[in-house]
Amino acid sequence: IICPSPQSEIESQLPLERTVLKQDYIYTNTPVLRMKEHFGIHTTFVIHGIICLAYFIFIKFRMPETKGRSLEAIEQQLVRKKS
């Protein structure tokens, strides 16, 4: 029977603790949280909504429809648009 020593148990927990600390650092230092503190929660969501709307407009009008088309047809359309 293999019985782990107390030292190996501590060493095995270190990666988990590092991961938890890293997640805590990322959560507390995200731009959204800093924006919330500076602008307030409502302004932060309005800015997010404007960015989402801009993405929607870009995708709606600039990205070609690819449903039911072959890769060759899509490539031909993209090459034609570039030229």
N, C-alpha and C. Protein backbone atom coordinates (compact mmCIF):
# COMPACT_ATOMS: atom_id res chain seq x y z
N ILE A 1 0.85 -1.17 0.00
CA ILE A 1 0.00 0.00 0.00
C ILE A 1 0.90 1.23 0.00
N ILE A 2 0.55 2.20 -0.85
CA ILE A 2 1.32 3.44 -0.93
C ILE A 2 0.60 4.49 -0.09
N CYS A 3 1.30 5.00 0.89
CA CYS A 3 0.75 6.04 1.75
C CYS A 3 1.50 7.34 1.49
N PRO A 4 0.80 8.36 1.03
CA PRO A 4 1.50 9.62 0.76
C PRO A 4 1.95 10.27 2.06
N SER A 5 3.08 10.90 1.98
CA SER A 5 3.59 11.61 3.14
C SER A 5 2.88 12.96 3.27
N PRO A 6 2.89 13.56 4.46
CA PRO A 6 2.25 14.88 4.61
C PRO A 6 2.85 15.94 3.67
N GLN A 7 4.14 15.83 3.39
CA GLN A 7 4.76 16.81 2.51
C GLN A 7 4.18 16.70 1.11
N SER A 8 3.96 15.50 0.61
CA SER A 8 3.43 15.37 -0.74
C SER A 8 1.98 15.84 -0.80
N GLU A 9 1.22 15.73 0.28
CA GLU A 9 -0.14 16.25 0.29
C GLU A 9 -0.14 17.76 0.16
N ILE A 10 0.78 18.41 0.87
CA ILE A 10 0.88 19.87 0.79
C ILE A 10 1.31 20.29 -0.61
N GLU A 11 2.28 19.57 -1.16
CA GLU A 11 2.75 19.91 -2.50
C GLU A 11 1.65 19.71 -3.53
N SER A 12 0.80 18.71 -3.33
CA SER A 12 -0.26 18.47 -4.31
C SER A 12 -1.34 19.55 -4.24
N GLN A 13 -1.47 20.26 -3.14
CA GLN A 13 -2.47 21.31 -3.02
C GLN A 13 -1.99 22.65 -3.56
N LEU A 14 -0.70 22.82 -3.75
CA LEU A 14 -0.18 24.10 -4.21
C LEU A 14 -0.72 24.52 -5.58
N PRO A 15 -0.77 23.63 -6.58
CA PRO A 15 -1.32 24.07 -7.86
C PRO A 15 -2.76 24.54 -7.75
N LEU A 16 -3.56 23.88 -6.92
CA LEU A 16 -4.95 24.30 -6.73
C LEU A 16 -5.00 25.69 -6.10
N GLU A 17 -4.17 25.93 -5.10
CA GLU A 17 -4.16 27.24 -4.46
C GLU A 17 -3.70 28.33 -5.41
N ARG A 18 -2.72 28.00 -6.25
CA ARG A 18 -2.26 28.98 -7.25
C ARG A 18 -3.38 29.32 -8.22
N THR A 19 -4.15 28.31 -8.62
CA THR A 19 -5.25 28.53 -9.55
C THR A 19 -6.31 29.42 -8.91
N VAL A 20 -6.64 29.15 -7.67
CA VAL A 20 -7.64 29.97 -6.98
C VAL A 20 -7.15 31.40 -6.84
N LEU A 21 -5.89 31.59 -6.49
CA LEU A 21 -5.35 32.95 -6.36
C LEU A 21 -5.34 33.66 -7.71
N LYS A 22 -5.00 32.94 -8.77
CA LYS A 22 -4.97 33.54 -10.10
C LYS A 22 -6.37 33.96 -10.52
N GLN A 23 -7.38 33.10 -10.26
CA GLN A 23 -8.75 33.44 -10.60
C GLN A 23 -9.22 34.66 -9.81
N ASP A 24 -8.84 34.74 -8.55
CA ASP A 24 -9.21 35.89 -7.73
C ASP A 24 -8.58 37.16 -8.28
N TYR A 25 -7.32 37.08 -8.70
CA TYR A 25 -6.63 38.24 -9.27
C TYR A 25 -7.31 38.68 -10.57
N ILE A 26 -7.63 37.71 -11.43
CA ILE A 26 -8.27 38.05 -12.70
C ILE A 26 -9.64 38.67 -12.45
N TYR A 27 -10.41 38.11 -11.51
CA TYR A 27 -11.75 38.62 -11.24
C TYR A 27 -11.70 40.05 -10.70
N THR A 28 -10.77 40.33 -9.83
CA THR A 28 -10.74 41.67 -9.22
C THR A 28 -10.06 42.71 -10.10
N ASN A 29 -9.39 42.29 -11.17
CA ASN A 29 -8.68 43.25 -12.01
C ASN A 29 -9.21 43.31 -13.43
N THR A 30 -10.44 42.85 -13.66
CA THR A 30 -10.99 42.92 -15.01
C THR A 30 -11.42 44.36 -15.31
N PRO A 31 -11.36 44.73 -16.58
CA PRO A 31 -11.76 46.10 -16.94
C PRO A 31 -13.20 46.43 -16.59
N VAL A 32 -14.10 45.44 -16.67
CA VAL A 32 -15.50 45.71 -16.36
C VAL A 32 -15.65 46.13 -14.90
N LEU A 33 -14.95 45.47 -14.01
CA LEU A 33 -15.07 45.84 -12.60
C LEU A 33 -14.48 47.22 -12.34
N ARG A 34 -13.38 47.53 -13.03
CA ARG A 34 -12.81 48.87 -12.86
C ARG A 34 -13.74 49.93 -13.45
N MET A 35 -14.40 49.62 -14.57
CA MET A 35 -15.36 50.56 -15.15
C MET A 35 -16.54 50.75 -14.22
N LYS A 36 -17.00 49.65 -13.60
CA LYS A 36 -18.14 49.75 -12.70
C LYS A 36 -17.82 50.68 -11.54
N GLU A 37 -16.61 50.58 -11.02
CA GLU A 37 -16.22 51.44 -9.90
C GLU A 37 -16.11 52.89 -10.34
N HIS A 38 -15.65 53.12 -11.58
CA HIS A 38 -15.42 54.49 -12.05
C HIS A 38 -16.70 55.15 -12.57
N PHE A 39 -17.46 54.42 -13.41
CA PHE A 39 -18.63 55.00 -14.07
C PHE A 39 -19.95 54.64 -13.40
N GLY A 40 -19.99 53.53 -12.69
CA GLY A 40 -21.25 53.03 -12.16
C GLY A 40 -21.74 51.87 -13.00
N ILE A 41 -22.62 51.08 -12.44
CA ILE A 41 -23.06 49.86 -13.11
C ILE A 41 -23.90 50.15 -14.35
N HIS A 42 -24.74 51.18 -14.33
CA HIS A 42 -25.62 51.47 -15.46
C HIS A 42 -24.82 51.92 -16.68
N THR A 43 -23.89 52.80 -16.49
CA THR A 43 -23.06 53.27 -17.61
C THR A 43 -22.24 52.14 -18.18
N THR A 44 -21.75 51.25 -17.33
CA THR A 44 -20.96 50.12 -17.80
C THR A 44 -21.80 49.24 -18.73
N PHE A 45 -23.04 48.96 -18.35
CA PHE A 45 -23.89 48.13 -19.20
C PHE A 45 -24.32 48.85 -20.46
N VAL A 46 -24.48 50.16 -20.41
CA VAL A 46 -24.80 50.91 -21.63
C VAL A 46 -23.63 50.84 -22.61
N ILE A 47 -22.42 50.99 -22.12
CA ILE A 47 -21.23 50.88 -22.97
C ILE A 47 -21.16 49.48 -23.57
N HIS A 48 -21.41 48.46 -22.76
CA HIS A 48 -21.39 47.09 -23.25
C HIS A 48 -22.46 46.89 -24.33
N GLY A 49 -23.64 47.45 -24.12
CA GLY A 49 -24.71 47.35 -25.11
C GLY A 49 -24.35 48.02 -26.43
N ILE A 50 -23.69 49.17 -26.35
CA ILE A 50 -23.27 49.87 -27.57
C ILE A 50 -22.24 49.05 -28.33
N ILE A 51 -21.31 48.43 -27.62
CA ILE A 51 -20.30 47.58 -28.26
C ILE A 51 -20.97 46.38 -28.92
N CYS A 52 -21.94 45.76 -28.23
CA CYS A 52 -22.66 44.62 -28.81
C CYS A 52 -23.43 45.04 -30.06
N LEU A 53 -24.05 46.20 -30.04
CA LEU A 53 -24.78 46.70 -31.20
C LEU A 53 -23.83 46.93 -32.38
N ALA A 54 -22.66 47.49 -32.10
CA ALA A 54 -21.66 47.70 -33.16
C ALA A 54 -21.22 46.36 -33.76
N TYR A 55 -21.01 45.36 -32.92
CA TYR A 55 -20.64 44.02 -33.42
C TYR A 55 -21.76 43.45 -34.28
N PHE A 56 -23.01 43.61 -33.84
CA PHE A 56 -24.15 43.10 -34.59
C PHE A 56 -24.22 43.75 -35.97
N ILE A 57 -24.08 45.06 -36.02
CA ILE A 57 -24.15 45.78 -37.30
C ILE A 57 -23.02 45.33 -38.21
N PHE A 58 -21.82 45.19 -37.67
CA PHE A 58 -20.69 44.73 -38.48
C PHE A 58 -20.96 43.35 -39.06
N ILE A 59 -21.40 42.43 -38.21
CA ILE A 59 -21.63 41.06 -38.67
C ILE A 59 -22.78 41.01 -39.67
N LYS A 60 -23.84 41.76 -39.43
CA LYS A 60 -25.01 41.74 -40.31
C LYS A 60 -24.68 42.23 -41.71
N PHE A 61 -23.88 43.29 -41.81
CA PHE A 61 -23.65 43.89 -43.12
C PHE A 61 -22.30 43.56 -43.76
N ARG A 62 -21.34 43.08 -43.00
CA ARG A 62 -20.02 42.84 -43.57
C ARG A 62 -19.65 41.36 -43.72
N MET A 63 -20.31 40.47 -42.98
CA MET A 63 -19.98 39.05 -43.05
C MET A 63 -20.92 38.37 -44.03
N PRO A 64 -20.39 37.56 -44.95
CA PRO A 64 -21.26 36.91 -45.93
C PRO A 64 -22.03 35.74 -45.29
N GLU A 65 -23.21 35.47 -45.85
CA GLU A 65 -24.00 34.33 -45.40
C GLU A 65 -23.35 33.06 -45.95
N THR A 66 -23.16 32.07 -45.11
CA THR A 66 -22.46 30.85 -45.53
C THR A 66 -23.34 29.62 -45.39
N LYS A 67 -24.56 29.76 -44.98
CA LYS A 67 -25.43 28.60 -44.77
C LYS A 67 -25.74 27.92 -46.11
N GLY A 68 -25.46 26.62 -46.16
CA GLY A 68 -25.77 25.83 -47.35
C GLY A 68 -24.82 26.05 -48.51
N ARG A 69 -23.68 26.67 -48.27
CA ARG A 69 -22.72 26.90 -49.36
C ARG A 69 -21.47 26.09 -49.12
N SER A 70 -20.81 25.73 -50.19
CA SER A 70 -19.56 24.97 -50.07
C SER A 70 -18.41 25.91 -49.74
N LEU A 71 -17.33 25.33 -49.24
CA LEU A 71 -16.15 26.15 -48.92
C LEU A 71 -15.58 26.83 -50.16
N GLU A 72 -15.65 26.16 -51.29
CA GLU A 72 -15.13 26.74 -52.53
C GLU A 72 -15.95 27.97 -52.94
N ALA A 73 -17.26 27.90 -52.81
CA ALA A 73 -18.12 29.04 -53.16
C ALA A 73 -17.87 30.22 -52.22
N ILE A 74 -17.70 29.93 -50.95
CA ILE A 74 -17.41 30.99 -49.99
C ILE A 74 -16.07 31.63 -50.31
N GLU A 75 -15.07 30.81 -50.62
CA GLU A 75 -13.75 31.35 -50.95
C GLU A 75 -13.80 32.21 -52.20
N GLN A 76 -14.54 31.78 -53.22
CA GLN A 76 -14.66 32.56 -54.44
C GLN A 76 -15.31 33.93 -54.15
N GLN A 77 -16.34 33.92 -53.33
CA GLN A 77 -17.00 35.18 -52.99
C GLN A 77 -16.05 36.12 -52.25
N LEU A 78 -15.28 35.59 -51.30
CA LEU A 78 -14.34 36.42 -50.55
C LEU A 78 -13.21 36.94 -51.44
N VAL A 79 -12.73 36.14 -52.37
CA VAL A 79 -11.68 36.58 -53.27
C VAL A 79 -12.21 37.67 -54.20
N ARG A 80 -13.46 37.50 -54.68
CA ARG A 80 -14.05 38.53 -55.54
C ARG A 80 -14.21 39.86 -54.81
N LYS A 81 -14.59 39.82 -53.54
CA LYS A 81 -14.76 41.05 -52.77
C LYS A 81 -13.42 41.75 -52.54
N LYS A 82 -12.34 40.98 -52.39
CA LYS A 82 -11.02 41.58 -52.16
C LYS A 82 -10.53 42.31 -53.41
N SER A 83 -10.79 41.76 -54.58
CA SER A 83 -10.26 42.34 -55.83
C SER A 83 -11.04 43.55 -56.25
